[in-house]
Each structure stands twice: as C-alpha cells, then as structure tokens.
Amino acid sequence: MSHPNTYTHRLARFEDLPAIVAIYNSTVPSREVTADTEPVSVESRHAWFAEHTPERRPLWVAEKDGEVVGWLSYSNFYGRPAYNGTAELSIYIRDDQRGKGLGRYFLEQSIAFAPSIGIHTLLGFIFGHNKPSLGLFYKFGFERWAHMPRVATLDGIERDLDILGKRIA
C-alpha cells in the first residue's frame, strides 16, 4: 500500500523486531511517548510480538527506501472477551521520520482497516504533555474519553494520561 509520501506498510516479521525495538527505545529518553524509563531488549519483546496476530491484533511496519521507519500495533484494551471489538493503537516513528506524515498515514490506514478485523472502537493512550500525538489523534476525530491526572512519574515529574477514543463502526 502506497502513500504520496512514499510510505508503505506490511505485517511485521520476526526479523523486524530489532528495528521495532530500536525505534521504541529511541523514544524512551524524551519521557513523552512511553512509560518505560529504560530501554527494552529485543528478547523481552518476543511474547509481545507473538501476541500481535495478523487476523486480530496486527503489528505493521512502515518502510521507506527498504528500511523500517515506524510501526503501528493494535493491542488488546483490557484482555476480556467483551472488549474484543476495542483495540489500543500505538504508533512509533523513527526520529528522522517524525513530522513528515507517517503518523497520519498510519492512523488513516488503521482506521480504515480496523472493521475488517472486528474492531469497532479504537483507543490511544497518550501522555497529556505529548502535544504532537494528541494533535494527530484529534485531527482524525478522536475525542478525550478519560483524563487520568498524575498517574505516571517520569524523572520525579508526575504526568497525566489521556485516553482518546473513536467509534469507527
């Protein structure tokens, strides 16, 4: 699948895991994107990778010029059967590709694709101080469904978590 910015995406393969983890780890120091405070290892993500089955909770990678430059995952919201139609989206983009349209591409593609895997509601769990991600999700019609004040502590600073939601089917 192509995009004017020359992005394409495909299902992630196990051999993509080092690139996926490297992109994830590149966001840890910002204290803006993930609640992990230390880098994670490729080995520690094996089970997480296995949970992302193509037919229910896909994990996509975007490529540009043959390199993985970002990834998107659909993840279980709460882990109980009644919530199977709801998924959390996570988007991580390599630092040199941020702000160039890949996030918009991923959201556009994931919203369109979600009904084909039985998803009617999408969620984003975003720190309240992560203005770029909040802005992106709002542009696609997500609304703030929950505000959780000071639930995370990063480097001694308490941070809010917003849960943004969108009903798509």
C-alpha atoms as a PDB file:
ATOM      1  CA  MET A   1       0.000   0.000   0.000  1.00  0.00           C
ATOM      2  CA  SER A   2       1.477   3.277  -1.122  1.00  0.00           C
ATOM      3  CA  HIS A   3       1.132   6.851   0.083  1.00  0.00           C
ATOM      4  CA  PRO A   4       2.093  10.153  -1.521  1.00  0.00           C
ATOM      5  CA  ASN A   5       4.991  10.404   0.955  1.00  0.00           C
ATOM      6  CA  THR A   6       6.225   7.052  -0.417  1.00  0.00           C
ATOM      7  CA  TYR A   7       5.340   5.182   2.752  1.00  0.00           C
ATOM      8  CA  THR A   8       4.201   1.599   2.556  1.00  0.00           C
ATOM      9  CA  HIS A   9       3.352  -0.800   5.317  1.00  0.00           C
ATOM     10  CA  ARG A  10       3.233  -4.538   5.758  1.00  0.00           C
ATOM     11  CA  LEU A  11       2.801  -7.044   8.533  1.00  0.00           C
ATOM     12  CA  ALA A  12       5.839  -7.147  10.760  1.00  0.00           C
ATOM     13  CA  ARG A  13       8.056 -10.206  10.575  1.00  0.00           C
ATOM     14  CA  PHE A  14      10.064 -11.577  13.464  1.00  0.00           C
ATOM     15  CA  GLU A  15      13.264 -10.359  11.818  1.00  0.00           C
ATOM     16  CA  ASP A  16      11.883  -6.783  12.049  1.00  0.00           C
ATOM     17  CA  LEU A  17      11.894  -6.967  15.840  1.00  0.00           C
ATOM     18  CA  PRO A  18      15.368  -5.396  16.312  1.00  0.00           C
ATOM     19  CA  ALA A  19      14.315  -2.362  14.226  1.00  0.00           C
ATOM     20  CA  ILE A  20      10.960  -2.164  16.059  1.00  0.00           C
ATOM     21  CA  VAL A  21      12.720  -2.221  19.439  1.00  0.00           C
ATOM     22  CA  ALA A  22      15.323   0.336  18.303  1.00  0.00           C
ATOM     23  CA  ILE A  23      12.573   2.770  17.267  1.00  0.00           C
ATOM     24  CA  TYR A  24      10.733   2.169  20.545  1.00  0.00           C
ATOM     25  CA  ASN A  25      13.893   2.651  22.599  1.00  0.00           C
ATOM     26  CA  SER A  26      14.665   5.899  20.769  1.00  0.00           C
ATOM     27  CA  THR A  27      11.552   7.407  22.382  1.00  0.00           C
ATOM     28  CA  VAL A  28      12.421   6.467  25.983  1.00  0.00           C
ATOM     29  CA  PRO A  29      14.709   9.453  26.731  1.00  0.00           C
ATOM     30  CA  SER A  30      12.084  12.029  25.678  1.00  0.00           C
ATOM     31  CA  ARG A  31       9.780  10.983  28.547  1.00  0.00           C
ATOM     32  CA  GLU A  32       6.940  11.969  26.226  1.00  0.00           C
ATOM     33  CA  VAL A  33       5.892   8.778  24.465  1.00  0.00           C
ATOM     34  CA  THR A  34       6.351   5.691  26.645  1.00  0.00           C
ATOM     35  CA  ALA A  35       6.163   4.943  30.353  1.00  0.00           C
ATOM     36  CA  ASP A  36       9.258   2.764  30.098  1.00  0.00           C
ATOM     37  CA  THR A  37      12.142   4.584  31.723  1.00  0.00           C
ATOM     38  CA  GLU A  38      14.925   2.292  30.461  1.00  0.00           C
ATOM     39  CA  PRO A  39      15.458   0.737  27.027  1.00  0.00           C
ATOM     40  CA  VAL A  40      13.936  -2.703  26.485  1.00  0.00           C
ATOM     41  CA  SER A  41      15.703  -5.693  24.967  1.00  0.00           C
ATOM     42  CA  VAL A  42      14.688  -7.493  21.804  1.00  0.00           C
ATOM     43  CA  GLU A  43      14.356 -10.706  23.842  1.00  0.00           C
ATOM     44  CA  SER A  44      11.961  -9.045  26.281  1.00  0.00           C
ATOM     45  CA  ARG A  45       9.608  -8.256  23.369  1.00  0.00           C
ATOM     46  CA  HIS A  46       9.270 -11.797  21.978  1.00  0.00           C
ATOM     47  CA  ALA A  47       5.982 -12.542  23.783  1.00  0.00           C
ATOM     48  CA  TRP A  48       4.607  -9.092  22.900  1.00  0.00           C
ATOM     49  CA  PHE A  49       5.437  -9.737  19.249  1.00  0.00           C
ATOM     50  CA  ALA A  50       3.731 -13.142  19.345  1.00  0.00           C
ATOM     51  CA  GLU A  51       0.517 -11.573  20.734  1.00  0.00           C
ATOM     52  CA  HIS A  52       0.142  -9.478  17.574  1.00  0.00           C
ATOM     53  CA  THR A  53      -1.605 -11.919  15.279  1.00  0.00           C
ATOM     54  CA  PRO A  54      -2.465 -10.665  11.780  1.00  0.00           C
ATOM     55  CA  GLU A  55      -6.111 -11.696  11.975  1.00  0.00           C
ATOM     56  CA  ARG A  56      -6.925  -9.966  15.296  1.00  0.00           C
ATOM     57  CA  ARG A  57      -4.175  -7.637  16.528  1.00  0.00           C
ATOM     58  CA  PRO A  58      -1.777  -6.886  13.679  1.00  0.00           C
ATOM     59  CA  LEU A  59       1.602  -5.256  14.018  1.00  0.00           C
ATOM     60  CA  TRP A  60       2.613  -3.222  10.983  1.00  0.00           C
ATOM     61  CA  VAL A  61       5.912  -1.754   9.958  1.00  0.00           C
ATOM     62  CA  ALA A  62       6.318   1.136   7.553  1.00  0.00           C
ATOM     63  CA  GLU A  63       9.183   1.123   5.156  1.00  0.00           C
ATOM     64  CA  LYS A  64      10.921   3.845   3.250  1.00  0.00           C
ATOM     65  CA  ASP A  65      13.765   3.042   0.910  1.00  0.00           C
ATOM     66  CA  GLY A  66      13.767  -0.536   2.225  1.00  0.00           C
ATOM     67  CA  GLU A  67      14.237   0.402   5.898  1.00  0.00           C
ATOM     68  CA  VAL A  68      11.753   0.119   8.758  1.00  0.00           C
ATOM     69  CA  VAL A  69      10.994   3.711   9.761  1.00  0.00           C
ATOM     70  CA  GLY A  70       7.989   3.192  12.024  1.00  0.00           C
ATOM     71  CA  TRP A  71       5.475   0.747  13.370  1.00  0.00           C
ATOM     72  CA  LEU A  72       1.884   0.543  14.485  1.00  0.00           C
ATOM     73  CA  SER A  73       0.283  -2.033  16.717  1.00  0.00           C
ATOM     74  CA  TYR A  74      -3.287  -2.901  17.556  1.00  0.00           C
ATOM     75  CA  SER A  75      -3.339  -4.215  21.123  1.00  0.00           C
ATOM     76  CA  ASN A  76      -5.950  -5.649  23.462  1.00  0.00           C
ATOM     77  CA  PHE A  77      -7.616  -2.991  25.546  1.00  0.00           C
ATOM     78  CA  TYR A  78      -8.470  -4.965  28.648  1.00  0.00           C
ATOM     79  CA  GLY A  79      -7.955  -8.627  27.893  1.00  0.00           C
ATOM     80  CA  ARG A  80     -11.518  -9.787  28.490  1.00  0.00           C
ATOM     81  CA  PRO A  81     -13.736 -11.211  25.706  1.00  0.00           C
ATOM     82  CA  ALA A  82     -16.371  -8.481  25.954  1.00  0.00           C
ATOM     83  CA  TYR A  83     -13.718  -5.950  24.882  1.00  0.00           C
ATOM     84  CA  ASN A  84     -12.586  -7.832  21.750  1.00  0.00           C
ATOM     85  CA  GLY A  85     -14.065  -5.131  19.493  1.00  0.00           C
ATOM     86  CA  THR A  86     -11.890  -2.451  21.084  1.00  0.00           C
ATOM     87  CA  ALA A  87      -8.192  -2.042  20.410  1.00  0.00           C
ATOM     88  CA  GLU A  88      -5.480   0.324  21.545  1.00  0.00           C
ATOM     89  CA  LEU A  89      -3.342   1.811  18.790  1.00  0.00           C
ATOM     90  CA  SER A  90       0.336   2.511  19.365  1.00  0.00           C
ATOM     91  CA  ILE A  91       2.427   4.382  16.823  1.00  0.00           C
ATOM     92  CA  TYR A  92       6.202   4.754  16.997  1.00  0.00           C
ATOM     93  CA  ILE A  93       8.225   6.567  14.350  1.00  0.00           C
ATOM     94  CA  ARG A  94      11.965   6.732  13.808  1.00  0.00           C
ATOM     95  CA  ASP A  95      13.269  10.145  14.865  1.00  0.00           C
ATOM     96  CA  ASP A  96      14.330  11.233  11.369  1.00  0.00           C
ATOM     97  CA  GLN A  97      10.828  10.496  10.020  1.00  0.00           C
ATOM     98  CA  ARG A  98       8.750  12.299  12.651  1.00  0.00           C
ATOM     99  CA  GLY A  99       6.609  15.181  11.466  1.00  0.00           C
ATOM    100  CA  LYS A 100       6.668  14.014   7.833  1.00  0.00           C
ATOM    101  CA  GLY A 101       3.253  12.378   7.535  1.00  0.00           C
ATOM    102  CA  LEU A 102       3.890   8.812   8.670  1.00  0.00           C
ATOM    103  CA  GLY A 103       1.686   9.176  11.747  1.00  0.00           C
ATOM    104  CA  ARG A 104      -1.153  10.499   9.585  1.00  0.00           C
ATOM    105  CA  TYR A 105      -0.610   7.647   7.132  1.00  0.00           C
ATOM    106  CA  PHE A 106      -0.713   5.050   9.907  1.00  0.00           C
ATOM    107  CA  LEU A 107      -3.883   6.458  11.503  1.00  0.00           C
ATOM    108  CA  GLU A 108      -5.646   6.714   8.152  1.00  0.00           C
ATOM    109  CA  GLN A 109      -4.753   3.132   7.254  1.00  0.00           C
ATOM    110  CA  SER A 110      -5.514   1.672  10.695  1.00  0.00           C
ATOM    111  CA  ILE A 111      -8.935   3.317  10.961  1.00  0.00           C
ATOM    112  CA  ALA A 112      -9.904   2.017   7.514  1.00  0.00           C
ATOM    113  CA  PHE A 113      -8.582  -1.489   8.255  1.00  0.00           C
ATOM    114  CA  ALA A 114      -9.988  -1.966  11.771  1.00  0.00           C
ATOM    115  CA  PRO A 115     -13.501  -3.166  10.815  1.00  0.00           C
ATOM    116  CA  SER A 116     -12.016  -5.990   8.738  1.00  0.00           C
ATOM    117  CA  ILE A 117     -10.564  -7.488  11.933  1.00  0.00           C
ATOM    118  CA  GLY A 118     -13.699  -6.973  14.003  1.00  0.00           C
ATOM    119  CA  ILE A 119     -12.705  -3.706  15.691  1.00  0.00           C
ATOM    120  CA  HIS A 120     -15.388  -1.064  16.215  1.00  0.00           C
ATOM    121  CA  THR A 121     -13.602   1.177  18.713  1.00  0.00           C
ATOM    122  CA  LEU A 122     -10.033   2.482  18.714  1.00  0.00           C
ATOM    123  CA  LEU A 123      -8.195   3.969  21.665  1.00  0.00           C
ATOM    124  CA  GLY A 124      -4.985   5.905  22.098  1.00  0.00           C
ATOM    125  CA  PHE A 125      -3.261   6.135  25.484  1.00  0.00           C
ATOM    126  CA  ILE A 126      -1.278   9.384  25.276  1.00  0.00           C
ATOM    127  CA  PHE A 127       0.577  11.415  27.873  1.00  0.00           C
ATOM    128  CA  GLY A 128      -1.066  14.785  28.447  1.00  0.00           C
ATOM    129  CA  HIS A 129       2.197  16.581  27.627  1.00  0.00           C
ATOM    130  CA  ASN A 130       2.644  14.760  24.281  1.00  0.00           C
ATOM    131  CA  LYS A 131       1.081  17.548  22.208  1.00  0.00           C
ATOM    132  CA  PRO A 132       2.097  16.189  18.761  1.00  0.00           C
ATOM    133  CA  SER A 133       0.422  12.817  19.358  1.00  0.00           C
ATOM    134  CA  LEU A 134      -2.670  14.349  20.938  1.00  0.00           C
ATOM    135  CA  GLY A 135      -2.988  16.736  17.987  1.00  0.00           C
ATOM    136  CA  LEU A 136      -2.645  13.907  15.495  1.00  0.00           C
ATOM    137  CA  PHE A 137      -5.370  11.791  17.083  1.00  0.00           C
ATOM    138  CA  TYR A 138      -7.698  14.801  17.443  1.00  0.00           C
ATOM    139  CA  LYS A 139      -7.267  15.544  13.703  1.00  0.00           C
ATOM    140  CA  PHE A 140      -8.686  12.094  12.989  1.00  0.00           C
ATOM    141  CA  GLY A 141     -11.771  12.628  15.109  1.00  0.00           C
ATOM    142  CA  PHE A 142     -10.636  11.000  18.333  1.00  0.00           C
ATOM    143  CA  GLU A 143     -12.072  12.547  21.484  1.00  0.00           C
ATOM    144  CA  ARG A 144     -10.754  12.572  25.023  1.00  0.00           C
ATOM    145  CA  TRP A 145     -12.711   9.876  26.818  1.00  0.00           C
ATOM    146  CA  ALA A 146     -10.641   9.858  30.003  1.00  0.00           C
ATOM    147  CA  HIS A 147      -8.188  12.096  31.781  1.00  0.00           C
ATOM    148  CA  MET A 148      -6.080  10.425  34.415  1.00  0.00           C
ATOM    149  CA  PRO A 149      -4.194  13.089  36.346  1.00  0.00           C
ATOM    150  CA  ARG A 150      -0.670  12.420  37.623  1.00  0.00           C
ATOM    151  CA  VAL A 151      -0.796   8.628  37.149  1.00  0.00           C
ATOM    152  CA  ALA A 152       2.773   8.328  35.835  1.00  0.00           C
ATOM    153  CA  THR A 153       6.001   9.562  37.376  1.00  0.00           C
ATOM    154  CA  LEU A 154       8.859  10.214  34.980  1.00  0.00           C
ATOM    155  CA  ASP A 155      12.118  11.517  36.442  1.00  0.00           C
ATOM    156  CA  GLY A 156      10.266  12.715  39.512  1.00  0.00           C
ATOM    157  CA  ILE A 157       7.618  14.585  37.499  1.00  0.00           C
ATOM    158  CA  GLU A 158       4.032  13.397  37.764  1.00  0.00           C
ATOM    159  CA  ARG A 159       2.371  13.162  34.349  1.00  0.00           C
ATOM    160  CA  ASP A 160      -1.223  12.886  33.155  1.00  0.00           C
ATOM    161  CA  LEU A 161      -2.503  10.199  30.818  1.00  0.00           C
ATOM    162  CA  ASP A 162      -5.309  10.907  28.366  1.00  0.00           C
ATOM    163  CA  ILE A 163      -7.291   8.124  26.769  1.00  0.00           C
ATOM    164  CA  LEU A 164      -8.593   9.160  23.383  1.00  0.00           C
ATOM    165  CA  GLY A 165     -11.301   7.137  21.711  1.00  0.00           C
ATOM    166  CA  LYS A 166     -13.071   6.867  18.393  1.00  0.00           C
ATOM    167  CA  ARG A 167     -16.005   4.688  17.423  1.00  0.00           C
ATOM    168  CA  ILE A 168     -15.438   3.610  13.830  1.00  0.00           C
ATOM    169  CA  ALA A 169     -18.119   1.043  13.070  1.00  0.00           C
END
